[in-house]
Amino acid sequence: MRTYPGTFIDRVNERLSDKIAAAEVRTAVLQAKNALLFEDDEAYQAAMLALEATVDTLSTSDRDIIAEIAAELLATGAPAEPEQQ
């Protein structure tokens, strides 16, 4: 089963032509995911700020692609991360 962060990262990798930007987005998403797993609010905020800063530097078309991907996943109810036991 794919998770929301994993699916988001896969789709960003597939659809963004700028692979460096895709890698930066992937890094920020994975940092946010890990911060949530460890319940580290400060690290989560830092990761989300890094994601926002990365997206802000992208071309308008790449920003639109990322917004489309997020909207698609939210609309389809992509699976959440499994709970840690």
N, C-alpha and C. Protein backbone atom coordinates (compact mmCIF):
# COMPACT_ATOMS: atom_id res chain seq x y z
N MET A 1 0.84 -1.18 0.00
CA MET A 1 0.00 0.00 0.00
C MET A 1 0.89 1.25 0.00
N ARG A 2 0.61 2.17 -0.88
CA ARG A 2 1.34 3.43 -0.95
C ARG A 2 0.82 4.37 0.13
N THR A 3 1.70 5.17 0.64
CA THR A 3 1.33 6.16 1.64
C THR A 3 1.24 7.52 0.97
N TYR A 4 0.61 8.46 1.64
CA TYR A 4 0.47 9.80 1.09
C TYR A 4 1.83 10.41 0.74
N PRO A 5 2.81 10.46 1.69
CA PRO A 5 4.11 11.05 1.32
C PRO A 5 4.80 10.31 0.18
N GLY A 6 4.73 8.99 0.20
CA GLY A 6 5.37 8.21 -0.85
C GLY A 6 4.74 8.45 -2.21
N THR A 7 3.43 8.47 -2.25
CA THR A 7 2.72 8.73 -3.50
C THR A 7 3.00 10.14 -3.99
N PHE A 8 2.99 11.10 -3.10
CA PHE A 8 3.29 12.49 -3.46
C PHE A 8 4.68 12.58 -4.07
N ILE A 9 5.66 11.99 -3.41
CA ILE A 9 7.05 12.02 -3.90
C ILE A 9 7.15 11.34 -5.27
N ASP A 10 6.52 10.20 -5.43
CA ASP A 10 6.56 9.49 -6.72
C ASP A 10 5.99 10.36 -7.83
N ARG A 11 4.87 11.00 -7.57
CA ARG A 11 4.24 11.82 -8.61
C ARG A 11 5.05 13.07 -8.91
N VAL A 12 5.67 13.66 -7.90
CA VAL A 12 6.53 14.82 -8.13
C VAL A 12 7.72 14.39 -8.99
N ASN A 13 8.32 13.25 -8.69
CA ASN A 13 9.45 12.75 -9.49
C ASN A 13 9.05 12.50 -10.94
N GLU A 14 7.85 11.98 -11.14
CA GLU A 14 7.37 11.67 -12.49
C GLU A 14 7.07 12.93 -13.29
N ARG A 15 6.50 13.93 -12.65
CA ARG A 15 5.94 15.05 -13.41
C ARG A 15 6.80 16.31 -13.46
N LEU A 16 7.73 16.48 -12.53
CA LEU A 16 8.58 17.67 -12.58
C LEU A 16 9.74 17.42 -13.52
N SER A 17 9.97 18.37 -14.40
CA SER A 17 11.11 18.23 -15.32
C SER A 17 12.43 18.57 -14.62
N ASP A 18 12.37 19.42 -13.61
CA ASP A 18 13.57 19.83 -12.86
C ASP A 18 13.82 18.80 -11.76
N LYS A 19 14.73 17.87 -12.03
CA LYS A 19 14.98 16.76 -11.09
C LYS A 19 15.67 17.23 -9.81
N ILE A 20 16.41 18.32 -9.87
CA ILE A 20 17.01 18.86 -8.65
C ILE A 20 15.92 19.38 -7.73
N ALA A 21 14.97 20.09 -8.30
CA ALA A 21 13.84 20.59 -7.50
C ALA A 21 13.03 19.42 -6.94
N ALA A 22 12.83 18.39 -7.76
CA ALA A 22 12.10 17.21 -7.29
C ALA A 22 12.81 16.57 -6.10
N ALA A 23 14.14 16.52 -6.14
CA ALA A 23 14.90 15.96 -5.03
C ALA A 23 14.78 16.82 -3.78
N GLU A 24 14.76 18.15 -3.95
CA GLU A 24 14.61 19.04 -2.80
C GLU A 24 13.22 18.91 -2.19
N VAL A 25 12.20 18.76 -3.02
CA VAL A 25 10.84 18.54 -2.53
C VAL A 25 10.80 17.22 -1.77
N ARG A 26 11.38 16.17 -2.34
CA ARG A 26 11.41 14.85 -1.69
C ARG A 26 12.06 14.94 -0.31
N THR A 27 13.19 15.63 -0.24
CA THR A 27 13.91 15.76 1.03
C THR A 27 13.03 16.44 2.09
N ALA A 28 12.39 17.54 1.71
CA ALA A 28 11.54 18.26 2.67
C ALA A 28 10.35 17.42 3.11
N VAL A 29 9.73 16.70 2.18
CA VAL A 29 8.58 15.85 2.53
C VAL A 29 9.01 14.73 3.47
N LEU A 30 10.14 14.11 3.20
CA LEU A 30 10.62 13.03 4.08
C LEU A 30 11.01 13.56 5.46
N GLN A 31 11.59 14.76 5.50
CA GLN A 31 11.91 15.36 6.80
C GLN A 31 10.63 15.64 7.59
N ALA A 32 9.61 16.13 6.92
CA ALA A 32 8.33 16.38 7.60
C ALA A 32 7.72 15.08 8.09
N LYS A 33 7.76 14.06 7.26
CA LYS A 33 7.22 12.75 7.65
C LYS A 33 7.93 12.21 8.89
N ASN A 34 9.26 12.29 8.89
CA ASN A 34 10.02 11.80 10.04
C ASN A 34 9.74 12.62 11.29
N ALA A 35 9.60 13.93 11.14
CA ALA A 35 9.30 14.78 12.28
C ALA A 35 7.95 14.40 12.89
N LEU A 36 6.98 14.10 12.03
CA LEU A 36 5.68 13.67 12.55
C LEU A 36 5.79 12.33 13.28
N LEU A 37 6.56 11.42 12.71
CA LEU A 37 6.72 10.11 13.36
C LEU A 37 7.33 10.23 14.75
N PHE A 38 8.27 11.18 14.88
CA PHE A 38 8.94 11.38 16.17
C PHE A 38 8.28 12.47 17.02
N GLU A 39 7.12 12.95 16.53
CA GLU A 39 6.35 13.98 17.25
C GLU A 39 7.22 15.18 17.60
N ASP A 40 8.01 15.62 16.63
CA ASP A 40 8.91 16.76 16.80
C ASP A 40 8.34 17.96 16.05
N ASP A 41 7.56 18.76 16.76
CA ASP A 41 6.87 19.90 16.13
C ASP A 41 7.84 20.90 15.51
N GLU A 42 8.95 21.15 16.18
CA GLU A 42 9.92 22.12 15.68
C GLU A 42 10.54 21.63 14.36
N ALA A 43 10.89 20.37 14.30
CA ALA A 43 11.46 19.80 13.07
C ALA A 43 10.43 19.78 11.95
N TYR A 44 9.17 19.52 12.30
CA TYR A 44 8.10 19.53 11.30
C TYR A 44 7.94 20.92 10.71
N GLN A 45 7.91 21.93 11.56
CA GLN A 45 7.78 23.31 11.07
C GLN A 45 8.96 23.67 10.18
N ALA A 46 10.15 23.28 10.56
CA ALA A 46 11.34 23.56 9.75
C ALA A 46 11.25 22.88 8.39
N ALA A 47 10.79 21.64 8.38
CA ALA A 47 10.66 20.91 7.12
C ALA A 47 9.60 21.54 6.22
N MET A 48 8.50 21.98 6.81
CA MET A 48 7.46 22.61 6.02
C MET A 48 7.92 23.97 5.48
N LEU A 49 8.70 24.69 6.24
CA LEU A 49 9.27 25.95 5.75
C LEU A 49 10.26 25.68 4.62
N ALA A 50 11.03 24.61 4.74
CA ALA A 50 11.96 24.24 3.67
C ALA A 50 11.20 23.85 2.41
N LEU A 51 10.11 23.14 2.57
CA LEU A 51 9.28 22.76 1.43
C LEU A 51 8.69 24.01 0.77
N GLU A 52 8.17 24.91 1.58
CA GLU A 52 7.61 26.15 1.05
C GLU A 52 8.67 26.96 0.30
N ALA A 53 9.86 27.07 0.88
CA ALA A 53 10.94 27.81 0.24
C ALA A 53 11.36 27.17 -1.08
N THR A 54 11.39 25.85 -1.11
CA THR A 54 11.74 25.13 -2.34
C THR A 54 10.69 25.38 -3.42
N VAL A 55 9.43 25.24 -3.04
CA VAL A 55 8.35 25.44 -4.01
C VAL A 55 8.33 26.88 -4.51
N ASP A 56 8.62 27.83 -3.65
CA ASP A 56 8.63 29.25 -4.05
C ASP A 56 9.65 29.54 -5.14
N THR A 57 10.73 28.76 -5.22
CA THR A 57 11.77 29.00 -6.22
C THR A 57 11.47 28.34 -7.56
N LEU A 58 10.44 27.52 -7.61
CA LEU A 58 10.12 26.79 -8.84
C LEU A 58 9.41 27.70 -9.84
N SER A 59 9.41 27.26 -11.08
CA SER A 59 8.66 27.97 -12.10
C SER A 59 7.17 27.86 -11.78
N THR A 60 6.41 28.75 -12.36
CA THR A 60 4.96 28.73 -12.14
C THR A 60 4.37 27.40 -12.57
N SER A 61 4.82 26.86 -13.69
CA SER A 61 4.26 25.58 -14.15
C SER A 61 4.58 24.44 -13.19
N ASP A 62 5.80 24.43 -12.63
CA ASP A 62 6.15 23.39 -11.65
C ASP A 62 5.36 23.56 -10.36
N ARG A 63 5.15 24.80 -9.92
CA ARG A 63 4.33 25.04 -8.72
C ARG A 63 2.91 24.56 -8.97
N ASP A 64 2.40 24.81 -10.18
CA ASP A 64 1.05 24.35 -10.51
C ASP A 64 0.96 22.83 -10.50
N ILE A 65 2.01 22.17 -10.99
CA ILE A 65 2.04 20.70 -10.98
C ILE A 65 1.99 20.18 -9.55
N ILE A 66 2.77 20.77 -8.66
CA ILE A 66 2.79 20.33 -7.27
C ILE A 66 1.42 20.56 -6.63
N ALA A 67 0.80 21.69 -6.91
CA ALA A 67 -0.54 21.96 -6.38
C ALA A 67 -1.55 20.94 -6.91
N GLU A 68 -1.45 20.59 -8.18
CA GLU A 68 -2.34 19.58 -8.77
C GLU A 68 -2.17 18.23 -8.09
N ILE A 69 -0.93 17.84 -7.89
CA ILE A 69 -0.65 16.55 -7.26
C ILE A 69 -1.24 16.51 -5.86
N ALA A 70 -1.01 17.56 -5.08
CA ALA A 70 -1.56 17.61 -3.72
C ALA A 70 -3.08 17.56 -3.74
N ALA A 71 -3.69 18.32 -4.64
CA ALA A 71 -5.15 18.34 -4.73
C ALA A 71 -5.70 16.97 -5.13
N GLU A 72 -5.04 16.31 -6.08
CA GLU A 72 -5.47 14.97 -6.50
C GLU A 72 -5.43 13.99 -5.34
N LEU A 73 -4.34 14.03 -4.58
CA LEU A 73 -4.20 13.10 -3.46
C LEU A 73 -5.21 13.38 -2.36
N LEU A 74 -5.44 14.65 -2.10
CA LEU A 74 -6.43 14.99 -1.07
C LEU A 74 -7.83 14.59 -1.51
N ALA A 75 -8.13 14.77 -2.79
CA ALA A 75 -9.46 14.43 -3.31
C ALA A 75 -9.72 12.93 -3.31
N THR A 76 -8.68 12.14 -3.52
CA THR A 76 -8.86 10.69 -3.59
C THR A 76 -8.73 10.02 -2.23
N GLY A 77 -8.39 10.80 -1.22
CA GLY A 77 -8.24 10.19 0.11
C GLY A 77 -7.08 9.24 0.17
N ALA A 78 -5.93 9.67 -0.32
CA ALA A 78 -4.73 8.83 -0.31
C ALA A 78 -4.48 8.31 1.11
N PRO A 79 -3.97 7.10 1.22
CA PRO A 79 -3.79 6.50 2.53
C PRO A 79 -2.79 7.28 3.39
N ALA A 80 -3.05 7.30 4.66
CA ALA A 80 -2.15 7.93 5.62
C ALA A 80 -1.05 6.95 5.99
N GLU A 81 -0.05 7.47 6.66
CA GLU A 81 1.02 6.59 7.15
C GLU A 81 0.44 5.60 8.15
N PRO A 82 0.90 4.36 8.13
CA PRO A 82 0.44 3.41 9.15
C PRO A 82 0.92 3.85 10.52
N GLU A 83 0.10 3.56 11.52
CA GLU A 83 0.46 3.94 12.88
C GLU A 83 1.62 3.08 13.35
N GLN A 84 2.52 3.71 14.10
CA GLN A 84 3.65 2.99 14.68
C GLN A 84 3.19 2.21 15.89
N GLN A 85 3.68 1.02 16.04
CA GLN A 85 3.28 0.18 17.17
C GLN A 85 4.36 0.12 18.21
